[in-house]
Amino acid sequence: MSGTADATSADVLAKQILTSSHAGTFSLTVDLTGVTHLASAGVQTLHAAAERAESHGRRLDLIAAEGSTAAAVLTLAALPYSAPAGGAHDAP
């Protein structure tokens, strides 16, 4: 994903995640390295997708570059993510 993840794009993001993960029945990796703005609507979409995946015994893996806006927001939202190079960052 690239650009903004906000109220105007959250529905598109949710549909893409639902389709790609077969409604949470397949694990999925979402690459947020190109995201320039991650608003609360985007965070809510990611939280819902993570919960859906977990309810099916699957995972939603998030990728965000350390020091990026997305990484900062994911940390505040307690959503674990990994850095693109593989350095894991677990939410507090």
Protein backbone atom coordinates (compact mmCIF):
# COMPACT_ATOMS: atom_id res chain seq x y z
CA MET A 1 0.00 0.00 0.00
CA SER A 2 1.15 3.53 -0.65
CA GLY A 3 -0.14 7.03 -0.05
CA THR A 4 -2.67 7.71 2.65
CA ALA A 5 -4.69 5.29 4.73
CA ASP A 6 -7.49 7.47 5.99
CA ALA A 7 -11.29 7.75 5.92
CA THR A 8 -11.35 8.12 2.14
CA SER A 9 -9.24 5.00 1.49
CA ALA A 10 -10.12 2.74 4.44
CA ASP A 11 -12.97 1.00 2.61
CA VAL A 12 -10.71 0.17 -0.33
CA LEU A 13 -8.02 -1.11 2.06
CA ALA A 14 -10.57 -3.24 3.92
CA LYS A 15 -11.89 -4.77 0.69
CA GLN A 16 -8.35 -5.53 -0.53
CA ILE A 17 -7.46 -7.20 2.77
CA LEU A 18 -10.71 -9.18 2.83
CA THR A 19 -10.21 -10.38 -0.73
CA SER A 20 -6.51 -11.17 -0.39
CA SER A 21 -6.91 -12.99 2.93
CA HIS A 22 -10.12 -14.77 1.90
CA ALA A 23 -11.98 -13.01 4.73
CA GLY A 24 -9.18 -13.70 7.21
CA THR A 25 -8.90 -17.42 6.52
CA PHE A 26 -5.41 -16.99 4.98
CA SER A 27 -2.49 -15.19 6.60
CA LEU A 28 -1.58 -11.95 4.87
CA THR A 29 1.30 -9.48 4.84
CA VAL A 30 0.49 -5.80 4.33
CA ASP A 31 3.45 -3.65 3.30
CA LEU A 32 3.01 -0.13 4.63
CA THR A 33 6.44 1.18 3.63
CA GLY A 34 4.86 3.46 1.02
CA VAL A 35 2.24 4.89 3.39
CA THR A 36 2.71 8.60 3.99
CA HIS A 37 -0.27 9.13 6.32
CA LEU A 38 -1.92 6.51 8.55
CA ALA A 39 -5.06 7.96 10.12
CA SER A 40 -7.42 6.42 12.66
CA ALA A 41 -9.67 4.94 9.94
CA GLY A 42 -6.68 3.07 8.50
CA VAL A 43 -5.66 1.88 11.97
CA GLN A 44 -9.21 0.67 12.66
CA THR A 45 -9.17 -1.25 9.38
CA LEU A 46 -5.87 -2.90 10.26
CA HIS A 47 -7.02 -3.75 13.79
CA ALA A 48 -10.23 -5.32 12.45
CA ALA A 49 -8.28 -7.33 9.89
CA ALA A 50 -5.81 -8.53 12.53
CA GLU A 51 -8.65 -9.59 14.83
CA ARG A 52 -10.42 -11.37 11.95
CA ALA A 53 -7.25 -13.23 11.01
CA GLU A 54 -6.62 -14.19 14.64
CA SER A 55 -10.16 -15.53 14.99
CA HIS A 56 -9.32 -17.94 12.15
CA GLY A 57 -5.95 -18.88 13.62
CA ARG A 58 -4.15 -16.82 10.98
CA ARG A 59 -1.92 -13.73 11.03
CA LEU A 60 -1.94 -10.26 9.59
CA ASP A 61 1.72 -9.26 9.30
CA LEU A 62 2.43 -5.56 8.89
CA ILE A 63 5.62 -4.18 7.36
CA ALA A 64 6.71 -0.61 8.12
CA ALA A 65 10.06 1.13 7.88
CA GLU A 66 11.60 2.08 11.22
CA GLY A 67 11.23 5.81 11.81
CA SER A 68 8.38 6.14 9.32
CA THR A 69 5.02 7.71 10.01
CA ALA A 70 3.35 4.30 9.68
CA ALA A 71 5.77 2.76 12.20
CA ALA A 72 5.09 5.54 14.71
CA VAL A 73 1.33 5.17 14.38
CA LEU A 74 1.46 1.36 14.57
CA THR A 75 3.49 1.63 17.76
CA LEU A 76 0.97 4.04 19.30
CA ALA A 77 -1.90 1.79 18.20
CA ALA A 78 -0.21 -1.31 19.68
CA LEU A 79 -0.12 -3.07 16.31
CA PRO A 80 3.05 -5.15 15.94
CA TYR A 81 5.01 -4.76 12.73
CA SER A 82 8.27 -5.82 11.13
CA ALA A 83 10.81 -3.63 9.40
CA PRO A 84 11.35 -4.39 5.69
CA ALA A 85 14.80 -5.86 6.38
CA GLY A 86 13.20 -8.33 8.78
CA GLY A 87 13.89 -6.55 12.07
CA ALA A 88 10.77 -7.31 14.10
CA HIS A 89 9.21 -4.65 16.27
CA ASP A 90 6.61 -5.87 18.71
CA ALA A 91 4.07 -3.41 20.00
CA PRO A 92 4.36 -2.58 23.70
